[in-house]
Amino acid sequence: MLGLKRFFSFIGEVRAEVDKVTWPSRQEVIITTVVVFAIALIASLFFALVDTGWYRIVHAIIGR
């Protein structure tokens, strides 16, 4: 019985902490998501270019 009481006490504490959280607005979430996708796209293009460059350099050196 003591375990069940502690469990419900824990759930109550969790709810109290969740109520303290400042949640972002819908617009903030959308803007942040767009920024993350843009940075991921830019990074993937950068690494694709670097990879292609190294591929060509290595193949020019080893002659394949």
N, C-alpha and C. Protein backbone atom coordinates (compact mmCIF):
# COMPACT_ATOMS: atom_id res chain seq x y z
N MET A 1 0.82 -1.20 0.00
CA MET A 1 0.00 0.00 0.00
C MET A 1 0.86 1.26 0.00
N LEU A 2 1.99 1.20 0.69
CA LEU A 2 2.88 2.36 0.75
C LEU A 2 3.43 2.68 -0.62
N GLY A 3 3.72 1.63 -1.43
CA GLY A 3 4.24 1.84 -2.77
C GLY A 3 3.24 2.57 -3.65
N LEU A 4 1.97 2.21 -3.54
CA LEU A 4 0.92 2.85 -4.34
C LEU A 4 0.75 4.31 -3.95
N LYS A 5 0.86 4.59 -2.65
CA LYS A 5 0.75 5.96 -2.17
C LYS A 5 1.91 6.81 -2.70
N ARG A 6 3.12 6.24 -2.70
CA ARG A 6 4.29 6.95 -3.22
C ARG A 6 4.15 7.19 -4.72
N PHE A 7 3.57 6.20 -5.42
CA PHE A 7 3.37 6.34 -6.87
C PHE A 7 2.46 7.52 -7.17
N PHE A 8 1.33 7.60 -6.48
CA PHE A 8 0.40 8.70 -6.73
C PHE A 8 0.98 10.04 -6.30
N SER A 9 1.80 10.03 -5.26
CA SER A 9 2.48 11.25 -4.85
C SER A 9 3.44 11.70 -5.96
N PHE A 10 4.17 10.73 -6.54
CA PHE A 10 5.09 11.03 -7.64
C PHE A 10 4.33 11.62 -8.84
N ILE A 11 3.20 11.03 -9.20
CA ILE A 11 2.39 11.52 -10.32
C ILE A 11 1.93 12.95 -10.05
N GLY A 12 1.53 13.24 -8.82
CA GLY A 12 1.12 14.60 -8.47
C GLY A 12 2.27 15.59 -8.60
N GLU A 13 3.47 15.18 -8.19
CA GLU A 13 4.64 16.04 -8.33
C GLU A 13 4.99 16.28 -9.80
N VAL A 14 4.86 15.25 -10.60
CA VAL A 14 5.14 15.39 -12.04
C VAL A 14 4.16 16.38 -12.65
N ARG A 15 2.89 16.27 -12.33
CA ARG A 15 1.89 17.21 -12.87
C ARG A 15 2.19 18.64 -12.44
N ALA A 16 2.62 18.82 -11.20
CA ALA A 16 2.95 20.16 -10.72
C ALA A 16 4.12 20.74 -11.51
N GLU A 17 5.12 19.91 -11.80
CA GLU A 17 6.28 20.38 -12.57
C GLU A 17 5.89 20.68 -14.02
N VAL A 18 5.04 19.87 -14.61
CA VAL A 18 4.60 20.10 -15.99
C VAL A 18 3.82 21.41 -16.08
N ASP A 19 3.07 21.73 -15.05
CA ASP A 19 2.33 22.99 -15.05
C ASP A 19 3.26 24.21 -15.04
N LYS A 20 4.50 24.04 -14.56
CA LYS A 20 5.46 25.14 -14.51
C LYS A 20 6.15 25.38 -15.86
N VAL A 21 6.02 24.43 -16.77
CA VAL A 21 6.72 24.53 -18.05
C VAL A 21 6.11 25.64 -18.90
N THR A 22 6.97 26.43 -19.54
CA THR A 22 6.51 27.44 -20.48
C THR A 22 6.55 26.83 -21.87
N TRP A 23 5.41 26.55 -22.43
CA TRP A 23 5.33 25.88 -23.72
C TRP A 23 5.43 26.91 -24.84
N PRO A 24 6.12 26.58 -25.94
CA PRO A 24 6.24 27.51 -27.06
C PRO A 24 4.91 27.66 -27.79
N SER A 25 4.75 28.82 -28.42
CA SER A 25 3.52 29.03 -29.19
C SER A 25 3.61 28.23 -30.50
N ARG A 26 2.50 28.12 -31.18
CA ARG A 26 2.46 27.40 -32.45
C ARG A 26 3.40 28.05 -33.47
N GLN A 27 3.42 29.39 -33.49
CA GLN A 27 4.28 30.11 -34.43
C GLN A 27 5.76 29.85 -34.12
N GLU A 28 6.12 29.83 -32.84
CA GLU A 28 7.51 29.54 -32.47
C GLU A 28 7.92 28.14 -32.91
N VAL A 29 7.03 27.18 -32.77
CA VAL A 29 7.32 25.81 -33.18
C VAL A 29 7.52 25.74 -34.69
N ILE A 30 6.66 26.42 -35.43
CA ILE A 30 6.76 26.41 -36.90
C ILE A 30 8.07 27.06 -37.34
N ILE A 31 8.40 28.21 -36.79
CA ILE A 31 9.63 28.91 -37.16
C ILE A 31 10.86 28.05 -36.83
N THR A 32 10.88 27.47 -35.65
CA THR A 32 12.00 26.63 -35.24
C THR A 32 12.13 25.42 -36.16
N THR A 33 11.02 24.82 -36.53
CA THR A 33 11.04 23.66 -37.42
C THR A 33 11.60 24.04 -38.78
N VAL A 34 11.18 25.17 -39.32
CA VAL A 34 11.68 25.62 -40.62
C VAL A 34 13.19 25.88 -40.54
N VAL A 35 13.65 26.50 -39.47
CA VAL A 35 15.08 26.77 -39.30
C VAL A 35 15.87 25.46 -39.24
N VAL A 36 15.37 24.50 -38.50
CA VAL A 36 16.05 23.20 -38.39
C VAL A 36 16.14 22.52 -39.74
N PHE A 37 15.06 22.51 -40.51
CA PHE A 37 15.09 21.89 -41.84
C PHE A 37 16.03 22.65 -42.77
N ALA A 38 16.04 23.97 -42.70
CA ALA A 38 16.93 24.76 -43.55
C ALA A 38 18.40 24.46 -43.23
N ILE A 39 18.74 24.42 -41.96
CA ILE A 39 20.12 24.13 -41.57
C ILE A 39 20.49 22.71 -41.97
N ALA A 40 19.59 21.77 -41.82
CA ALA A 40 19.86 20.38 -42.23
C ALA A 40 20.09 20.31 -43.73
N LEU A 41 19.32 21.05 -44.51
CA LEU A 41 19.49 21.07 -45.96
C LEU A 41 20.84 21.68 -46.34
N ILE A 42 21.17 22.81 -45.73
CA ILE A 42 22.45 23.47 -46.02
C ILE A 42 23.62 22.55 -45.64
N ALA A 43 23.54 21.92 -44.49
CA ALA A 43 24.62 21.02 -44.05
C ALA A 43 24.74 19.82 -44.98
N SER A 44 23.63 19.25 -45.41
CA SER A 44 23.70 18.10 -46.31
C SER A 44 24.29 18.49 -47.66
N LEU A 45 23.95 19.68 -48.17
CA LEU A 45 24.55 20.14 -49.43
C LEU A 45 26.04 20.39 -49.27
N PHE A 46 26.45 20.98 -48.15
CA PHE A 46 27.86 21.23 -47.89
C PHE A 46 28.64 19.91 -47.86
N PHE A 47 28.14 18.95 -47.10
CA PHE A 47 28.86 17.67 -46.99
C PHE A 47 28.84 16.89 -48.30
N ALA A 48 27.79 17.02 -49.08
CA ALA A 48 27.76 16.37 -50.40
C ALA A 48 28.83 16.98 -51.30
N LEU A 49 28.99 18.30 -51.26
CA LEU A 49 30.03 18.95 -52.07
C LEU A 49 31.43 18.56 -51.60
N VAL A 50 31.65 18.53 -50.30
CA VAL A 50 32.95 18.14 -49.76
C VAL A 50 33.24 16.68 -50.13
N ASP A 51 32.27 15.82 -50.00
CA ASP A 51 32.44 14.41 -50.34
C ASP A 51 32.77 14.24 -51.82
N THR A 52 32.07 14.96 -52.67
CA THR A 52 32.34 14.89 -54.11
C THR A 52 33.75 15.40 -54.42
N GLY A 53 34.14 16.48 -53.77
CA GLY A 53 35.48 17.02 -53.97
C GLY A 53 36.56 16.03 -53.57
N TRP A 54 36.42 15.44 -52.38
CA TRP A 54 37.41 14.45 -51.94
C TRP A 54 37.41 13.23 -52.85
N TYR A 55 36.25 12.82 -53.31
CA TYR A 55 36.15 11.67 -54.22
C TYR A 55 36.96 11.95 -55.49
N ARG A 56 36.78 13.12 -56.05
CA ARG A 56 37.51 13.47 -57.29
C ARG A 56 39.00 13.60 -57.04
N ILE A 57 39.40 14.19 -55.91
CA ILE A 57 40.81 14.33 -55.61
C ILE A 57 41.47 12.97 -55.43
N VAL A 58 40.84 12.11 -54.66
CA VAL A 58 41.42 10.78 -54.42
C VAL A 58 41.50 9.99 -55.71
N HIS A 59 40.46 10.03 -56.53
CA HIS A 59 40.47 9.29 -57.78
C HIS A 59 41.48 9.87 -58.79
N ALA A 60 41.72 11.17 -58.72
CA ALA A 60 42.74 11.77 -59.59
C ALA A 60 44.13 11.31 -59.16
N ILE A 61 44.32 11.14 -57.84
CA ILE A 61 45.63 10.71 -57.33
C ILE A 61 45.89 9.24 -57.65
N ILE A 62 44.90 8.38 -57.39
CA ILE A 62 45.14 6.95 -57.59
C ILE A 62 44.86 6.51 -59.01
N GLY A 63 44.32 7.37 -59.83
CA GLY A 63 44.15 7.09 -61.25
C GLY A 63 43.04 6.13 -61.62
N ARG A 64 42.01 6.08 -60.85
CA ARG A 64 40.88 5.21 -61.20
C ARG A 64 39.79 5.99 -61.87
